[in-house]
Amino acid sequence: MRENAIKTIWNRGDCVLNGWLSIPNSFTAEMMANAGWDSICIDTQHGLIGYETAVHMLQAISTTPVTPIIRVVWNEPGTIMKWLDAGAYGIVCPMVNTRADAERFVEACRYPPAGYRSSGPIRAAIYGGKDYREKANGTVLTFAMIETAEAISNLDEILTTPTLDAVYIGPNDLALSLGVSGGLVPSSPEVVKAIDEIFAACKKHRIKAGIHCGSVDNAMDMKTKGFDFVTLMSDARLLTYGVETHISAMKKRMAGTAKQDAVLV
């Protein structure tokens, strides 16, 4: 079976640098996959991406060694299984608030006896290999999103769920749940404290810890802290940032040229 690069990186004790796709386009997915990420998540929850387009994006990512994962819309078993059958090597599940939520999620990702995933890896077996069904349970990764006050109160129960591999922190939803302001980089003391609490619990239970980051400095801080998986912004955010940066620089230089021309006249 094709390796899961995320697991390979974790096994050698390193941090995964993850990309994030919200633009519904296979060419942007291909460009991002060739940019040097370790893994890439296709966001079907808040991204503008439907199933058929996401399949094309998975195919584009598959031209590279980058490992594809999917953030699903919700903790709905049928949807989770469909994305796995399409070739996702990991599922990021939003709003996992209780042990029951976590069990429902991870068991949908595992073939019996570990779970209740239905057998039908129509594209996954092409992408993963002929032995996909036999090795999928040990290869596909499960990321439970911890992003509410309720989830924090149930951390120990959630993190001891069998076959849960990792936690993924959504700072903005966490801020909303805690009644404070969010932002690209968490700054509210309540959010920072909650992130520290989640991280400590992950280390206690030997669960991998991931987080969405709004800047290079933020991502490096999280890596230095010990996070195992950091996402740096998103395709849309990176595009916006690049365009705004270059337009601003160009306008400043154009304004400078205009002033020089005025002096010459």
Protein backbone atom coordinates (compact mmCIF):
# COMPACT_ATOMS: atom_id res chain seq x y z
CA MET A 1 0.00 0.00 0.00
CA ARG A 2 1.20 3.52 -0.79
CA GLU A 3 2.78 5.10 2.29
CA ASN A 4 1.14 7.82 4.29
CA ALA A 5 3.83 10.53 4.37
CA ILE A 6 2.30 12.05 7.50
CA LYS A 7 2.86 8.83 9.44
CA THR A 8 6.37 8.48 8.01
CA ILE A 9 7.28 11.98 9.19
CA TRP A 10 5.75 11.37 12.61
CA ASN A 11 7.60 8.07 12.96
CA ARG A 12 10.93 9.88 12.61
CA GLY A 13 9.86 12.48 15.18
CA ASP A 14 9.34 15.43 12.87
CA CYS A 15 6.55 17.97 12.36
CA VAL A 16 4.30 17.85 9.28
CA LEU A 17 3.86 21.02 7.22
CA ASN A 18 0.32 20.91 5.85
CA GLY A 19 -1.26 22.94 3.06
CA TRP A 20 -4.95 23.85 2.89
CA LEU A 21 -7.23 24.03 -0.15
CA SER A 22 -10.48 25.98 -0.23
CA ILE A 23 -10.54 27.00 -3.92
CA PRO A 24 -12.51 24.49 -6.06
CA ASN A 25 -9.96 23.91 -8.80
CA SER A 26 -7.71 21.00 -9.75
CA PHE A 27 -5.00 23.27 -11.19
CA THR A 28 -4.57 25.23 -7.97
CA ALA A 29 -4.50 21.89 -6.14
CA GLU A 30 -1.77 20.70 -8.50
CA MET A 31 0.22 23.91 -8.00
CA MET A 32 -0.07 23.67 -4.24
CA ALA A 33 0.92 20.00 -4.29
CA ASN A 34 4.08 20.89 -6.23
CA ALA A 35 4.99 23.70 -3.82
CA GLY A 36 6.68 21.52 -1.19
CA TRP A 37 4.05 20.65 1.41
CA ASP A 38 4.19 17.32 3.25
CA SER A 39 0.41 16.95 3.11
CA ILE A 40 -2.56 18.91 1.85
CA CYS A 41 -6.10 19.11 3.22
CA ILE A 42 -9.05 19.69 0.91
CA ASP A 43 -11.58 21.67 2.94
CA THR A 44 -15.13 20.62 2.10
CA GLN A 45 -16.55 22.22 5.24
CA HIS A 46 -15.79 25.91 4.74
CA GLY A 47 -14.09 25.67 1.36
CA LEU A 48 -16.13 26.13 -1.83
CA ILE A 49 -15.56 22.55 -2.93
CA GLY A 50 -18.05 19.85 -3.96
CA TYR A 51 -17.50 16.12 -4.31
CA GLU A 52 -16.75 15.80 -8.04
CA THR A 53 -14.36 18.75 -7.99
CA ALA A 54 -12.61 17.37 -4.93
CA VAL A 55 -12.05 14.05 -6.70
CA HIS A 56 -10.29 15.91 -9.52
CA MET A 57 -8.24 17.74 -6.89
CA LEU A 58 -7.28 14.43 -5.28
CA GLN A 59 -6.15 13.19 -8.68
CA ALA A 60 -4.05 16.33 -9.17
CA ILE A 61 -2.41 15.92 -5.77
CA SER A 62 -1.73 12.28 -6.62
CA THR A 63 0.81 13.34 -9.26
CA THR A 64 3.10 14.20 -6.32
CA PRO A 65 4.26 12.43 -3.12
CA VAL A 66 2.08 14.80 -1.04
CA THR A 67 -0.44 13.01 1.19
CA PRO A 68 -4.07 14.11 0.64
CA ILE A 69 -6.52 14.49 3.51
CA ILE A 70 -10.07 15.86 3.64
CA ARG A 71 -11.90 18.02 6.14
CA VAL A 72 -15.45 16.75 6.02
CA VAL A 73 -18.56 18.88 6.39
CA TRP A 74 -19.71 17.12 9.56
CA ASN A 75 -19.43 13.97 11.61
CA GLU A 76 -21.63 11.98 9.24
CA PRO A 77 -20.48 8.39 8.59
CA GLY A 78 -21.73 8.10 5.00
CA THR A 79 -19.90 11.25 3.96
CA ILE A 80 -16.72 10.18 5.74
CA MET A 81 -16.73 6.80 4.04
CA LYS A 82 -17.33 8.36 0.62
CA TRP A 83 -14.25 10.59 0.99
CA LEU A 84 -12.14 7.64 2.09
CA ASP A 85 -13.33 5.65 -0.92
CA ALA A 86 -12.28 8.59 -3.09
CA GLY A 87 -8.70 8.26 -1.85
CA ALA A 88 -8.32 10.54 1.17
CA TYR A 89 -5.56 9.24 3.44
CA GLY A 90 -6.89 11.09 6.44
CA ILE A 91 -10.10 12.71 7.67
CA VAL A 92 -10.34 15.91 9.67
CA CYS A 93 -13.70 15.86 11.47
CA PRO A 94 -15.15 19.11 12.87
CA MET A 95 -16.91 19.64 16.18
CA VAL A 96 -15.93 16.47 18.03
CA ASN A 97 -17.29 17.38 21.45
CA THR A 98 -17.76 14.09 23.30
CA ARG A 99 -16.44 10.54 23.50
CA ALA A 100 -19.54 9.39 21.60
CA ASP A 101 -18.73 11.88 18.81
CA ALA A 102 -15.16 10.60 18.65
CA GLU A 103 -16.24 6.96 18.52
CA ARG A 104 -18.79 7.66 15.79
CA PHE A 105 -16.07 9.40 13.78
CA VAL A 106 -13.16 6.97 14.08
CA GLU A 107 -15.27 3.85 13.65
CA ALA A 108 -16.58 5.23 10.34
CA CYS A 109 -12.94 5.35 9.19
CA ARG A 110 -12.11 1.73 10.11
CA TYR A 111 -13.09 -1.54 8.52
CA PRO A 112 -14.45 -4.23 10.89
CA PRO A 113 -13.65 -5.33 13.52
CA ALA A 114 -12.14 -1.92 14.47
CA GLY A 115 -15.11 -0.01 13.05
CA TYR A 116 -18.07 -0.17 10.72
CA ARG A 117 -16.68 1.31 7.49
CA SER A 118 -18.40 -0.17 4.47
CA SER A 119 -16.24 -1.89 1.85
CA GLY A 120 -16.05 -0.15 -1.52
CA PRO A 121 -12.71 1.68 -2.00
CA ILE A 122 -13.48 2.50 -5.64
CA ARG A 123 -10.65 5.01 -6.14
CA ALA A 124 -8.79 4.42 -2.88
CA ALA A 125 -7.64 1.00 -4.06
CA ILE A 126 -6.26 2.54 -7.26
CA TYR A 127 -4.45 5.27 -5.35
CA GLY A 128 -3.43 3.17 -2.36
CA GLY A 129 -2.78 -0.19 -3.99
CA LYS A 130 -4.32 -3.63 -4.34
CA ASP A 131 -3.78 -4.41 -0.66
CA TYR A 132 -5.71 -1.28 0.37
CA ARG A 133 -8.49 -3.10 2.21
CA GLU A 134 -6.05 -5.14 4.27
CA LYS A 135 -3.87 -2.18 5.28
CA ALA A 136 -6.22 0.81 5.31
CA ASN A 137 -6.96 0.65 9.04
CA GLY A 138 -3.28 1.12 9.80
CA THR A 139 -2.72 3.78 7.15
CA VAL A 140 -5.71 6.14 7.13
CA LEU A 141 -5.44 8.86 9.80
CA THR A 142 -8.20 10.28 12.00
CA PHE A 143 -8.06 13.93 13.14
CA ALA A 144 -10.70 15.04 15.64
CA MET A 145 -11.22 18.80 15.70
CA ILE A 146 -11.25 20.20 19.22
CA GLU A 147 -12.82 23.63 18.89
CA THR A 148 -15.38 24.12 21.66
CA ALA A 149 -15.52 24.58 25.42
CA GLU A 150 -17.57 21.37 25.61
CA ALA A 151 -14.81 19.42 23.88
CA ILE A 152 -12.21 20.80 26.29
CA SER A 153 -14.30 19.64 29.24
CA ASN A 154 -14.36 16.14 27.71
CA LEU A 155 -10.72 15.99 26.59
CA ASP A 156 -9.63 12.91 28.51
CA GLU A 157 -12.61 10.88 27.29
CA ILE A 158 -12.12 12.01 23.68
CA LEU A 159 -8.38 11.41 23.62
CA THR A 160 -8.65 7.86 24.92
CA THR A 161 -10.90 6.83 22.03
CA PRO A 162 -9.37 3.74 20.37
CA THR A 163 -7.75 4.37 16.95
CA LEU A 164 -7.98 8.17 17.24
CA ASP A 165 -4.67 9.35 15.79
CA ALA A 166 -4.64 13.10 16.18
CA VAL A 167 -6.36 16.28 17.28
CA TYR A 168 -6.69 19.33 15.07
CA ILE A 169 -7.31 22.67 16.76
CA GLY A 170 -9.54 25.24 15.08
CA PRO A 171 -8.55 28.49 16.84
CA ASN A 172 -11.39 30.64 15.47
CA ASP A 173 -14.23 28.29 16.42
CA LEU A 174 -12.51 27.81 19.77
CA ALA A 175 -12.54 31.58 20.26
CA LEU A 176 -16.23 31.76 19.31
CA SER A 177 -17.09 29.03 21.78
CA LEU A 178 -15.16 30.79 24.54
CA GLY A 179 -16.90 34.09 23.78
CA VAL A 180 -13.79 36.02 22.71
CA SER A 181 -12.50 37.46 19.46
CA GLY A 182 -10.67 35.28 16.96
CA GLY A 183 -8.22 36.15 14.23
CA LEU A 184 -5.52 34.70 12.00
CA VAL A 185 -3.19 34.32 14.99
CA PRO A 186 -4.74 33.56 18.41
CA SER A 187 -4.08 36.38 20.86
CA SER A 188 -6.87 36.22 23.46
CA PRO A 189 -5.53 34.82 26.75
CA GLU A 190 -8.53 32.47 26.96
CA VAL A 191 -7.75 30.94 23.55
CA VAL A 192 -4.02 30.67 24.21
CA LYS A 193 -4.75 28.94 27.52
CA ALA A 194 -7.20 26.54 25.85
CA ILE A 195 -4.66 25.66 23.14
CA ASP A 196 -2.06 24.95 25.83
CA GLU A 197 -4.54 22.73 27.67
CA ILE A 198 -5.39 20.76 24.53
CA PHE A 199 -1.72 20.38 23.63
CA ALA A 200 -0.82 19.14 27.12
CA ALA A 201 -3.66 16.60 27.04
CA CYS A 202 -2.50 15.32 23.64
CA LYS A 203 1.00 14.75 24.99
CA LYS A 204 -0.39 13.04 28.08
CA HIS A 205 -2.39 10.58 25.98
CA ARG A 206 0.20 10.27 23.18
CA ILE A 207 -2.15 11.70 20.58
CA LYS A 208 -0.64 13.79 17.79
CA ALA A 209 -1.45 17.50 18.00
CA GLY A 210 -2.23 19.67 14.96
CA ILE A 211 -3.25 23.30 14.59
CA HIS A 212 -4.20 25.84 11.93
CA CYS A 213 -1.76 28.77 11.80
CA GLY A 214 -2.17 32.25 10.36
CA SER A 215 1.46 33.15 9.70
CA VAL A 216 4.94 31.70 9.37
CA ASP A 217 5.86 33.03 12.82
CA ASN A 218 2.73 31.46 14.31
CA ALA A 219 3.48 28.12 12.62
CA MET A 220 7.10 28.18 13.81
CA ASP A 221 5.98 28.98 17.35
CA MET A 222 3.66 25.98 17.31
CA LYS A 223 6.35 23.72 15.85
CA THR A 224 8.82 24.89 18.49
CA LYS A 225 6.20 24.26 21.16
CA GLY A 226 6.03 20.65 20.02
CA PHE A 227 3.01 20.44 17.72
CA ASP A 228 3.22 17.50 15.33
CA PHE A 229 1.20 19.00 12.48
CA VAL A 230 0.95 22.66 11.45
CA THR A 231 -1.14 24.13 8.65
CA LEU A 232 0.09 27.40 7.18
CA MET A 233 -2.85 29.55 6.08
CA SER A 234 -4.70 28.36 2.93
CA ASP A 235 -4.57 28.65 -0.85
CA ALA A 236 -7.07 31.53 -0.78
CA ARG A 237 -5.29 33.33 2.05
CA LEU A 238 -1.86 32.86 0.44
CA LEU A 239 -3.20 34.13 -2.89
CA THR A 240 -4.79 37.15 -1.23
CA TYR A 241 -1.65 37.89 0.76
CA GLY A 242 0.59 37.60 -2.30
CA VAL A 243 -1.65 39.78 -4.46
CA GLU A 244 -2.12 42.46 -1.79
CA THR A 245 1.61 42.55 -1.01
CA HIS A 246 2.64 42.96 -4.65
CA ILE A 247 -0.08 45.48 -5.52
CA SER A 248 0.82 47.56 -2.47
CA ALA A 249 4.50 47.51 -3.39
CA MET A 250 3.72 48.40 -7.01
CA LYS A 251 1.45 51.31 -6.07
CA LYS A 252 4.09 52.72 -3.72
CA ARG A 253 6.70 52.56 -6.48
CA MET A 254 4.28 54.05 -8.99
CA ALA A 255 3.51 56.89 -6.59
CA GLY A 256 7.23 57.45 -6.12
CA THR A 257 7.76 57.61 -9.87
CA ALA A 258 4.90 60.09 -10.23
CA LYS A 259 6.50 62.35 -7.62
CA GLN A 260 9.86 62.17 -9.41
CA ASP A 261 8.18 63.04 -12.73
CA ALA A 262 6.50 66.02 -11.10
CA VAL A 263 9.87 67.31 -9.83
CA LEU A 264 11.44 66.89 -13.27
CA VAL A 265 8.61 68.88 -14.89
